[in-house]
Amino acid sequence: MNFNSKAVSKITGLSFRQIDYWDTTHFIKPTVSEASGYGSVRLYSFNDLIQLKVAKTLMDKGISLQKIRKAINYLKKNMPGIKKPLVELRFLTDGETIFVLTKDKKEIIDTLKSGQLVFSIALGEIIENLKGEVIALQKEKKYTVTVKNKKYAVILHADTEDGGYWIECPSLPGCSSQGDTVEEALEMIKDAIDGYLQVAEQKKVFKKAS
């Protein structure tokens, strides 16, 4: 499953400006599809979401973007087997320094002796929370719209790649539409239902005439 910038913002809590800045400065770039000009769309993988969320979590704990960059560069240089540190490693921070959780626990013990409050960046928890956000975004939502004094059940789906929503009316096969917002999608499906009914009525008239 791939995610455009709008979906990434909803899932991770990052602003569009942050996502764009992190991409253009080569901090965390989309691995599925990069923006290549006007009208093109960035597409991120789930692993990209993990990196973005871990970085945001570190920043929320008081670590600057510059320090995160330095830590990642250090890890890539000294641990060449690790291609994506923000996905593959677990981190601790006291708001000043970033520590990597390794098999050697002495580092952690020394850190605790400093008297600083240490926050654990629980990668597993972040991944599970991201999965929950993705499922919530994907989950279809049911609405009822009224067209010509008759109510119709419709189902709304989030479009994580192209953005916005697509919507369908199950009782009218093939009747669907889309919109950038929930409100727009609901208005568009009303128009689609109205058009569907008009075509159906015309077919009935044609059959009677023939």
C-alpha atoms as a PDB file:
ATOM      1  CA  MET A   1       0.000   0.000   0.000  1.00  0.00           C
ATOM      2  CA  ASN A   2       1.262   3.468  -0.895  1.00  0.00           C
ATOM      3  CA  PHE A   3       0.522   6.832   0.711  1.00  0.00           C
ATOM      4  CA  ASN A   4       0.451  10.344  -0.751  1.00  0.00           C
ATOM      5  CA  SER A   5       1.415  13.451   1.236  1.00  0.00           C
ATOM      6  CA  LYS A   6      -2.145  14.065   2.419  1.00  0.00           C
ATOM      7  CA  ALA A   7      -2.428  10.530   3.822  1.00  0.00           C
ATOM      8  CA  VAL A   8       1.067  10.772   5.363  1.00  0.00           C
ATOM      9  CA  SER A   9       0.100  14.004   7.119  1.00  0.00           C
ATOM     10  CA  LYS A  10      -3.076  12.451   8.568  1.00  0.00           C
ATOM     11  CA  ILE A  11      -1.299   9.297   9.721  1.00  0.00           C
ATOM     12  CA  THR A  12       1.930  10.777  11.161  1.00  0.00           C
ATOM     13  CA  GLY A  13       0.782  14.199  12.332  1.00  0.00           C
ATOM     14  CA  LEU A  14       3.449  15.960  10.259  1.00  0.00           C
ATOM     15  CA  SER A  15       2.514  19.110   8.366  1.00  0.00           C
ATOM     16  CA  PHE A  16       2.682  19.284   4.567  1.00  0.00           C
ATOM     17  CA  ARG A  17       5.494  21.809   4.976  1.00  0.00           C
ATOM     18  CA  GLN A  18       7.570  19.389   7.079  1.00  0.00           C
ATOM     19  CA  ILE A  19       6.985  16.516   4.670  1.00  0.00           C
ATOM     20  CA  ASP A  20       8.005  18.687   1.721  1.00  0.00           C
ATOM     21  CA  TYR A  21      11.068  20.087   3.538  1.00  0.00           C
ATOM     22  CA  TRP A  22      12.284  16.647   4.645  1.00  0.00           C
ATOM     23  CA  ASP A  23      11.948  15.413   1.075  1.00  0.00           C
ATOM     24  CA  THR A  24      13.657  18.351  -0.650  1.00  0.00           C
ATOM     25  CA  THR A  25      16.525  18.328   1.890  1.00  0.00           C
ATOM     26  CA  HIS A  26      16.996  14.555   1.433  1.00  0.00           C
ATOM     27  CA  PHE A  27      16.268  13.782   5.090  1.00  0.00           C
ATOM     28  CA  ILE A  28      13.444  11.302   4.471  1.00  0.00           C
ATOM     29  CA  LYS A  29      12.422  10.893   0.850  1.00  0.00           C
ATOM     30  CA  PRO A  30       9.511   8.892  -0.565  1.00  0.00           C
ATOM     31  CA  THR A  31      10.784   5.547  -1.833  1.00  0.00           C
ATOM     32  CA  VAL A  32       7.810   4.662  -4.048  1.00  0.00           C
ATOM     33  CA  SER A  33       7.545   7.788  -6.176  1.00  0.00           C
ATOM     34  CA  GLU A  34       9.220  11.195  -5.925  1.00  0.00           C
ATOM     35  CA  ALA A  35       7.649  14.480  -6.969  1.00  0.00           C
ATOM     36  CA  SER A  36       8.918  15.220 -10.471  1.00  0.00           C
ATOM     37  CA  GLY A  37       7.191  18.457 -11.355  1.00  0.00           C
ATOM     38  CA  TYR A  38       3.853  20.196 -11.265  1.00  0.00           C
ATOM     39  CA  GLY A  39       0.968  17.781 -10.798  1.00  0.00           C
ATOM     40  CA  SER A  40       3.156  14.826  -9.794  1.00  0.00           C
ATOM     41  CA  VAL A  41       2.529  12.997  -6.527  1.00  0.00           C
ATOM     42  CA  ARG A  42       4.912  11.821  -3.810  1.00  0.00           C
ATOM     43  CA  LEU A  43       4.173   8.253  -2.758  1.00  0.00           C
ATOM     44  CA  TYR A  44       5.529   6.802   0.491  1.00  0.00           C
ATOM     45  CA  SER A  45       5.788   3.180   1.620  1.00  0.00           C
ATOM     46  CA  PHE A  46       4.843   1.937   5.105  1.00  0.00           C
ATOM     47  CA  ASN A  47       8.558   1.810   6.011  1.00  0.00           C
ATOM     48  CA  ASP A  48       8.768   5.476   5.021  1.00  0.00           C
ATOM     49  CA  LEU A  49       5.920   6.166   7.449  1.00  0.00           C
ATOM     50  CA  ILE A  50       7.880   4.482  10.247  1.00  0.00           C
ATOM     51  CA  GLN A  51      10.936   6.665   9.573  1.00  0.00           C
ATOM     52  CA  LEU A  52       8.818   9.821   9.501  1.00  0.00           C
ATOM     53  CA  LYS A  53       7.014   8.918  12.723  1.00  0.00           C
ATOM     54  CA  VAL A  54      10.204   7.980  14.605  1.00  0.00           C
ATOM     55  CA  ALA A  55      11.832  11.260  13.525  1.00  0.00           C
ATOM     56  CA  LYS A  56       8.760  13.210  14.628  1.00  0.00           C
ATOM     57  CA  THR A  57       8.738  11.381  17.970  1.00  0.00           C
ATOM     58  CA  LEU A  58      12.387  12.294  18.574  1.00  0.00           C
ATOM     59  CA  MET A  59      11.633  15.923  17.730  1.00  0.00           C
ATOM     60  CA  ASP A  60       8.632  15.887  20.072  1.00  0.00           C
ATOM     61  CA  LYS A  61      11.046  14.780  22.828  1.00  0.00           C
ATOM     62  CA  GLY A  62      13.192  17.867  22.204  1.00  0.00           C
ATOM     63  CA  ILE A  63      15.792  16.570  19.746  1.00  0.00           C
ATOM     64  CA  SER A  64      16.533  18.970  16.913  1.00  0.00           C
ATOM     65  CA  LEU A  65      16.405  17.902  13.274  1.00  0.00           C
ATOM     66  CA  GLN A  66      20.131  18.674  13.000  1.00  0.00           C
ATOM     67  CA  LYS A  67      20.955  16.234  15.825  1.00  0.00           C
ATOM     68  CA  ILE A  68      18.790  13.536  14.263  1.00  0.00           C
ATOM     69  CA  ARG A  69      20.619  13.977  10.952  1.00  0.00           C
ATOM     70  CA  LYS A  70      24.001  13.703  12.720  1.00  0.00           C
ATOM     71  CA  ALA A  71      22.912  10.590  14.593  1.00  0.00           C
ATOM     72  CA  ILE A  72      21.687   8.921  11.404  1.00  0.00           C
ATOM     73  CA  ASN A  73      24.901   9.814   9.543  1.00  0.00           C
ATOM     74  CA  TYR A  74      26.957   8.404  12.423  1.00  0.00           C
ATOM     75  CA  LEU A  75      24.976   5.162  12.452  1.00  0.00           C
ATOM     76  CA  LYS A  76      25.217   4.709   8.690  1.00  0.00           C
ATOM     77  CA  LYS A  77      28.964   5.298   8.829  1.00  0.00           C
ATOM     78  CA  ASN A  78      29.684   3.047  11.812  1.00  0.00           C
ATOM     79  CA  MET A  79      26.997   0.421  11.229  1.00  0.00           C
ATOM     80  CA  PRO A  80      27.121  -0.128   7.422  1.00  0.00           C
ATOM     81  CA  GLY A  81      24.782  -3.109   7.690  1.00  0.00           C
ATOM     82  CA  ILE A  82      21.988  -0.807   8.813  1.00  0.00           C
ATOM     83  CA  LYS A  83      20.417   0.827   5.756  1.00  0.00           C
ATOM     84  CA  LYS A  84      17.504   2.584   7.480  1.00  0.00           C
ATOM     85  CA  PRO A  85      18.372   3.297  11.129  1.00  0.00           C
ATOM     86  CA  LEU A  86      14.990   4.872  11.922  1.00  0.00           C
ATOM     87  CA  VAL A  87      13.255   1.636  10.916  1.00  0.00           C
ATOM     88  CA  GLU A  88      15.754  -0.989  12.063  1.00  0.00           C
ATOM     89  CA  LEU A  89      17.006   0.341  15.423  1.00  0.00           C
ATOM     90  CA  ARG A  90      15.509   1.349  18.763  1.00  0.00           C
ATOM     91  CA  PHE A  91      16.348   4.675  20.326  1.00  0.00           C
ATOM     92  CA  LEU A  92      16.545   6.303  23.743  1.00  0.00           C
ATOM     93  CA  THR A  93      16.794  10.038  24.338  1.00  0.00           C
ATOM     94  CA  ASP A  94      17.077  12.374  27.293  1.00  0.00           C
ATOM     95  CA  GLY A  95      16.065  15.338  25.176  1.00  0.00           C
ATOM     96  CA  GLU A  96      19.708  16.204  24.531  1.00  0.00           C
ATOM     97  CA  THR A  97      21.340  13.068  23.155  1.00  0.00           C
ATOM     98  CA  ILE A  98      20.165  10.106  21.106  1.00  0.00           C
ATOM     99  CA  PHE A  99      21.170   6.655  22.305  1.00  0.00           C
ATOM    100  CA  VAL A 100      20.807   3.437  20.356  1.00  0.00           C
ATOM    101  CA  LEU A 101      19.552   0.391  22.206  1.00  0.00           C
ATOM    102  CA  THR A 102      22.004  -2.454  21.548  1.00  0.00           C
ATOM    103  CA  LYS A 103      22.784  -5.813  23.119  1.00  0.00           C
ATOM    104  CA  ASP A 104      25.368  -4.119  25.332  1.00  0.00           C
ATOM    105  CA  LYS A 105      23.203  -2.603  28.094  1.00  0.00           C
ATOM    106  CA  LYS A 106      26.105  -0.759  29.779  1.00  0.00           C
ATOM    107  CA  GLU A 107      25.436   2.300  27.653  1.00  0.00           C
ATOM    108  CA  ILE A 108      21.888   2.456  28.934  1.00  0.00           C
ATOM    109  CA  ILE A 109      22.965   2.011  32.544  1.00  0.00           C
ATOM    110  CA  ASP A 110      25.542   4.804  32.222  1.00  0.00           C
ATOM    111  CA  THR A 111      22.863   7.048  30.745  1.00  0.00           C
ATOM    112  CA  LEU A 112      20.487   6.425  33.614  1.00  0.00           C
ATOM    113  CA  LYS A 113      23.220   7.307  36.137  1.00  0.00           C
ATOM    114  CA  SER A 114      23.396  10.807  34.687  1.00  0.00           C
ATOM    115  CA  GLY A 115      20.142  11.559  36.433  1.00  0.00           C
ATOM    116  CA  GLN A 116      18.468  12.641  33.219  1.00  0.00           C
ATOM    117  CA  LEU A 117      14.972  11.451  32.395  1.00  0.00           C
ATOM    118  CA  VAL A 118      15.338   9.024  29.508  1.00  0.00           C
ATOM    119  CA  PHE A 119      12.507   8.454  27.034  1.00  0.00           C
ATOM    120  CA  SER A 120      12.329   5.181  25.160  1.00  0.00           C
ATOM    121  CA  ILE A 121      11.299   5.391  21.523  1.00  0.00           C
ATOM    122  CA  ALA A 122       9.292   2.165  21.331  1.00  0.00           C
ATOM    123  CA  LEU A 123       9.534   1.197  17.668  1.00  0.00           C
ATOM    124  CA  GLY A 124       7.080  -1.676  18.026  1.00  0.00           C
ATOM    125  CA  GLU A 125       4.477   0.612  19.549  1.00  0.00           C
ATOM    126  CA  ILE A 126       5.012   3.206  16.818  1.00  0.00           C
ATOM    127  CA  ILE A 127       4.552   0.559  14.113  1.00  0.00           C
ATOM    128  CA  GLU A 128       1.348  -0.757  15.708  1.00  0.00           C
ATOM    129  CA  ASN A 129      -0.033   2.768  16.099  1.00  0.00           C
ATOM    130  CA  LEU A 130       0.774   3.522  12.458  1.00  0.00           C
ATOM    131  CA  LYS A 131      -1.011   0.342  11.384  1.00  0.00           C
ATOM    132  CA  GLY A 132      -4.022   1.456  13.397  1.00  0.00           C
ATOM    133  CA  GLU A 133      -3.988   4.883  11.730  1.00  0.00           C
ATOM    134  CA  VAL A 134      -3.717   3.265   8.294  1.00  0.00           C
ATOM    135  CA  ILE A 135      -6.627   0.914   9.022  1.00  0.00           C
ATOM    136  CA  ALA A 136      -8.724   3.822  10.311  1.00  0.00           C
ATOM    137  CA  LEU A 137      -7.959   5.813   7.169  1.00  0.00           C
ATOM    138  CA  GLN A 138      -8.798   2.848   4.946  1.00  0.00           C
ATOM    139  CA  LYS A 139     -11.979   1.938   6.800  1.00  0.00           C
ATOM    140  CA  GLU A 140     -15.040   2.528   4.713  1.00  0.00           C
ATOM    141  CA  LYS A 141     -17.652   4.887   6.130  1.00  0.00           C
ATOM    142  CA  LYS A 142     -21.363   4.606   5.489  1.00  0.00           C
ATOM    143  CA  TYR A 143     -23.621   7.584   4.841  1.00  0.00           C
ATOM    144  CA  THR A 144     -27.154   8.165   3.631  1.00  0.00           C
ATOM    145  CA  VAL A 145     -27.978  10.729   0.960  1.00  0.00           C
ATOM    146  CA  THR A 146     -31.357  11.878  -0.311  1.00  0.00           C
ATOM    147  CA  VAL A 147     -32.052  12.223  -4.036  1.00  0.00           C
ATOM    148  CA  LYS A 148     -35.569  13.071  -5.303  1.00  0.00           C
ATOM    149  CA  ASN A 149     -37.053  12.433  -1.856  1.00  0.00           C
ATOM    150  CA  LYS A 150     -35.586   8.932  -1.685  1.00  0.00           C
ATOM    151  CA  LYS A 151     -32.765   7.850   0.609  1.00  0.00           C
ATOM    152  CA  TYR A 152     -29.762   5.904  -0.655  1.00  0.00           C
ATOM    153  CA  ALA A 153     -27.023   4.210   1.362  1.00  0.00           C
ATOM    154  CA  VAL A 154     -23.540   5.142   0.121  1.00  0.00           C
ATOM    155  CA  ILE A 155     -20.040   3.999   1.122  1.00  0.00           C
ATOM    156  CA  LEU A 156     -17.073   6.372   1.349  1.00  0.00           C
ATOM    157  CA  HIS A 157     -13.473   5.195   0.813  1.00  0.00           C
ATOM    158  CA  ALA A 158     -10.241   7.153   1.360  1.00  0.00           C
ATOM    159  CA  ASP A 159      -7.884   7.217  -1.626  1.00  0.00           C
ATOM    160  CA  THR A 160      -4.398   7.055  -0.083  1.00  0.00           C
ATOM    161  CA  GLU A 161      -2.560   7.343  -3.419  1.00  0.00           C
ATOM    162  CA  ASP A 162      -4.385   9.981  -5.448  1.00  0.00           C
ATOM    163  CA  GLY A 163      -5.814  11.809  -2.440  1.00  0.00           C
ATOM    164  CA  GLY A 164      -9.376  12.636  -1.517  1.00  0.00           C
ATOM    165  CA  TYR A 165     -12.156  10.060  -1.484  1.00  0.00           C
ATOM    166  CA  TRP A 166     -14.150   7.828  -3.790  1.00  0.00           C
ATOM    167  CA  ILE A 167     -17.734   6.947  -3.026  1.00  0.00           C
ATOM    168  CA  GLU A 168     -20.222   4.361  -4.283  1.00  0.00           C
ATOM    169  CA  CYS A 169     -23.925   3.557  -4.063  1.00  0.00           C
ATOM    170  CA  PRO A 170     -24.189  -0.270  -3.693  1.00  0.00           C
ATOM    171  CA  SER A 171     -27.885  -0.384  -4.579  1.00  0.00           C
ATOM    172  CA  LEU A 172     -27.127   1.150  -7.980  1.00  0.00           C
ATOM    173  CA  PRO A 173     -24.414  -1.044  -9.602  1.00  0.00           C
ATOM    174  CA  GLY A 174     -21.626   0.992 -11.156  1.00  0.00           C
ATOM    175  CA  CYS A 175     -22.806   4.256  -9.602  1.00  0.00           C
ATOM    176  CA  SER A 176     -19.776   5.939  -8.045  1.00  0.00           C
ATOM    177  CA  SER A 177     -17.972   9.270  -7.839  1.00  0.00           C
ATOM    178  CA  GLN A 178     -15.164  11.041  -6.009  1.00  0.00           C
ATOM    179  CA  GLY A 179     -14.225  14.268  -4.224  1.00  0.00           C
ATOM    180  CA  ASP A 180     -11.340  16.006  -2.494  1.00  0.00           C
ATOM    181  CA  THR A 181     -13.295  16.224   0.790  1.00  0.00           C
ATOM    182  CA  VAL A 182     -16.019  14.142   2.437  1.00  0.00           C
ATOM    183  CA  GLU A 183     -18.559  16.896   1.797  1.00  0.00           C
ATOM    184  CA  GLU A 184     -17.624  17.174  -1.872  1.00  0.00           C
ATOM    185  CA  ALA A 185     -17.748  13.389  -2.332  1.00  0.00           C
ATOM    186  CA  LEU A 186     -21.249  13.267  -0.826  1.00  0.00           C
ATOM    187  CA  GLU A 187     -22.450  16.029  -3.148  1.00  0.00           C
ATOM    188  CA  MET A 188     -20.852  14.343  -6.143  1.00  0.00           C
ATOM    189  CA  ILE A 189     -22.523  10.982  -5.420  1.00  0.00           C
ATOM    190  CA  LYS A 190     -25.875  12.761  -5.283  1.00  0.00           C
ATOM    191  CA  ASP A 191     -25.257  14.051  -8.806  1.00  0.00           C
ATOM    192  CA  ALA A 192     -24.119  10.577  -9.904  1.00  0.00           C
ATOM    193  CA  ILE A 193     -27.267   8.964  -8.461  1.00  0.00           C
ATOM    194  CA  ASP A 194     -29.462  11.579 -10.131  1.00  0.00           C
ATOM    195  CA  GLY A 195     -27.768  10.937 -13.475  1.00  0.00           C
ATOM    196  CA  TYR A 196     -28.035   7.169 -12.982  1.00  0.00           C
ATOM    197  CA  LEU A 197     -31.783   7.470 -12.337  1.00  0.00           C
ATOM    198  CA  GLN A 198     -32.293   9.675 -15.388  1.00  0.00           C
ATOM    199  CA  VAL A 199     -30.536   7.185 -17.644  1.00  0.00           C
ATOM    200  CA  ALA A 200     -32.548   4.315 -16.152  1.00  0.00           C
ATOM    201  CA  GLU A 201     -35.781   6.230 -16.769  1.00  0.00           C
ATOM    202  CA  GLN A 202     -34.800   6.966 -20.362  1.00  0.00           C
ATOM    203  CA  LYS A 203     -34.123   3.271 -20.935  1.00  0.00           C
ATOM    204  CA  LYS A 204     -37.596   2.405 -19.643  1.00  0.00           C
ATOM    205  CA  VAL A 205     -39.187   4.952 -21.975  1.00  0.00           C
ATOM    206  CA  PHE A 206     -37.170   3.625 -24.915  1.00  0.00           C
ATOM    207  CA  LYS A 207     -38.203   0.027 -24.200  1.00  0.00           C
ATOM    208  CA  LYS A 208     -41.900   1.008 -24.042  1.00  0.00           C
ATOM    209  CA  ALA A 209     -41.598   2.949 -27.285  1.00  0.00           C
ATOM    210  CA  SER A 210     -39.940   0.048 -29.062  1.00  0.00           C
END
